[in-house]
Amino acid sequence: MPQSYAEFHRRSIEDRDGFWREQAELIDWHRPFDQVCDYSQPPFARWF
């Protein structure tokens, strides 16, 4: 876990999908997600 807000923020920018995967794993889902974000239709993104 990042030690400071600055580190947390930096991580969210440098590894967007990895960062959000880690955050999403802290949530109990009804069914597991198989993709963090679908970027196939820019400029729109579909999360989880």
C-alpha atoms as a PDB file:
ATOM      1  CA  MET A   1       0.000   0.000   0.000  1.00  0.00           C
ATOM      2  CA  PRO A   2       1.377   3.442  -0.858  1.00  0.00           C
ATOM      3  CA  GLN A   3       2.728   5.410   2.066  1.00  0.00           C
ATOM      4  CA  SER A   4       1.455   8.851   1.070  1.00  0.00           C
ATOM      5  CA  TYR A   5      -1.173  10.558  -1.019  1.00  0.00           C
ATOM      6  CA  ALA A   6       1.496  11.593  -3.538  1.00  0.00           C
ATOM      7  CA  GLU A   7       2.625   7.971  -3.955  1.00  0.00           C
ATOM      8  CA  PHE A   8      -0.972   6.788  -4.215  1.00  0.00           C
ATOM      9  CA  HIS A   9      -1.680   9.399  -6.903  1.00  0.00           C
ATOM     10  CA  ARG A  10       1.538   8.637  -8.811  1.00  0.00           C
ATOM     11  CA  ARG A  11       0.674   4.939  -8.882  1.00  0.00           C
ATOM     12  CA  SER A  12      -2.831   5.663 -10.210  1.00  0.00           C
ATOM     13  CA  ILE A  13      -1.313   7.549 -13.144  1.00  0.00           C
ATOM     14  CA  GLU A  14       1.652   5.293 -13.938  1.00  0.00           C
ATOM     15  CA  ASP A  15      -0.297   2.019 -13.851  1.00  0.00           C
ATOM     16  CA  ARG A  16      -3.960   2.923 -14.235  1.00  0.00           C
ATOM     17  CA  ASP A  17      -5.318  -0.601 -14.745  1.00  0.00           C
ATOM     18  CA  GLY A  18      -3.102  -2.147 -12.085  1.00  0.00           C
ATOM     19  CA  PHE A  19      -4.046   0.543  -9.594  1.00  0.00           C
ATOM     20  CA  TRP A  20      -7.786   0.164 -10.199  1.00  0.00           C
ATOM     21  CA  ARG A  21      -7.549  -3.653 -10.169  1.00  0.00           C
ATOM     22  CA  GLU A  22      -6.025  -3.438  -6.681  1.00  0.00           C
ATOM     23  CA  GLN A  23      -8.765  -1.071  -5.525  1.00  0.00           C
ATOM     24  CA  ALA A  24     -11.532  -3.205  -7.048  1.00  0.00           C
ATOM     25  CA  GLU A  25     -10.206  -6.311  -5.316  1.00  0.00           C
ATOM     26  CA  LEU A  26     -11.084  -4.619  -2.006  1.00  0.00           C
ATOM     27  CA  ILE A  27     -14.787  -4.807  -2.975  1.00  0.00           C
ATOM     28  CA  ASP A  28     -16.988  -7.892  -2.655  1.00  0.00           C
ATOM     29  CA  TRP A  29     -18.503  -8.348  -6.124  1.00  0.00           C
ATOM     30  CA  HIS A  30     -21.597 -10.399  -7.010  1.00  0.00           C
ATOM     31  CA  ARG A  31     -19.545 -11.843  -9.847  1.00  0.00           C
ATOM     32  CA  PRO A  32     -15.838 -11.328 -10.457  1.00  0.00           C
ATOM     33  CA  PHE A  33     -14.789  -8.872 -13.124  1.00  0.00           C
ATOM     34  CA  ASP A  34     -12.573 -10.131 -15.926  1.00  0.00           C
ATOM     35  CA  GLN A  35     -11.374  -6.794 -17.267  1.00  0.00           C
ATOM     36  CA  VAL A  36     -10.598  -3.579 -15.419  1.00  0.00           C
ATOM     37  CA  CYS A  37     -11.419  -1.230 -18.291  1.00  0.00           C
ATOM     38  CA  ASP A  38     -12.473  -1.694 -21.908  1.00  0.00           C
ATOM     39  CA  TYR A  39     -10.967   1.053 -24.085  1.00  0.00           C
ATOM     40  CA  SER A  40     -12.204  -0.379 -27.392  1.00  0.00           C
ATOM     41  CA  GLN A  41     -14.616   2.486 -28.164  1.00  0.00           C
ATOM     42  CA  PRO A  42     -12.746   5.738 -27.537  1.00  0.00           C
ATOM     43  CA  PRO A  43     -13.336   8.244 -26.135  1.00  0.00           C
ATOM     44  CA  PHE A  44     -15.622   6.069 -23.994  1.00  0.00           C
ATOM     45  CA  ALA A  45     -14.396   3.561 -21.443  1.00  0.00           C
ATOM     46  CA  ARG A  46     -16.360   0.758 -19.805  1.00  0.00           C
ATOM     47  CA  TRP A  47     -15.159  -0.002 -16.278  1.00  0.00           C
ATOM     48  CA  PHE A  48     -15.326  -3.497 -14.738  1.00  0.00           C
END
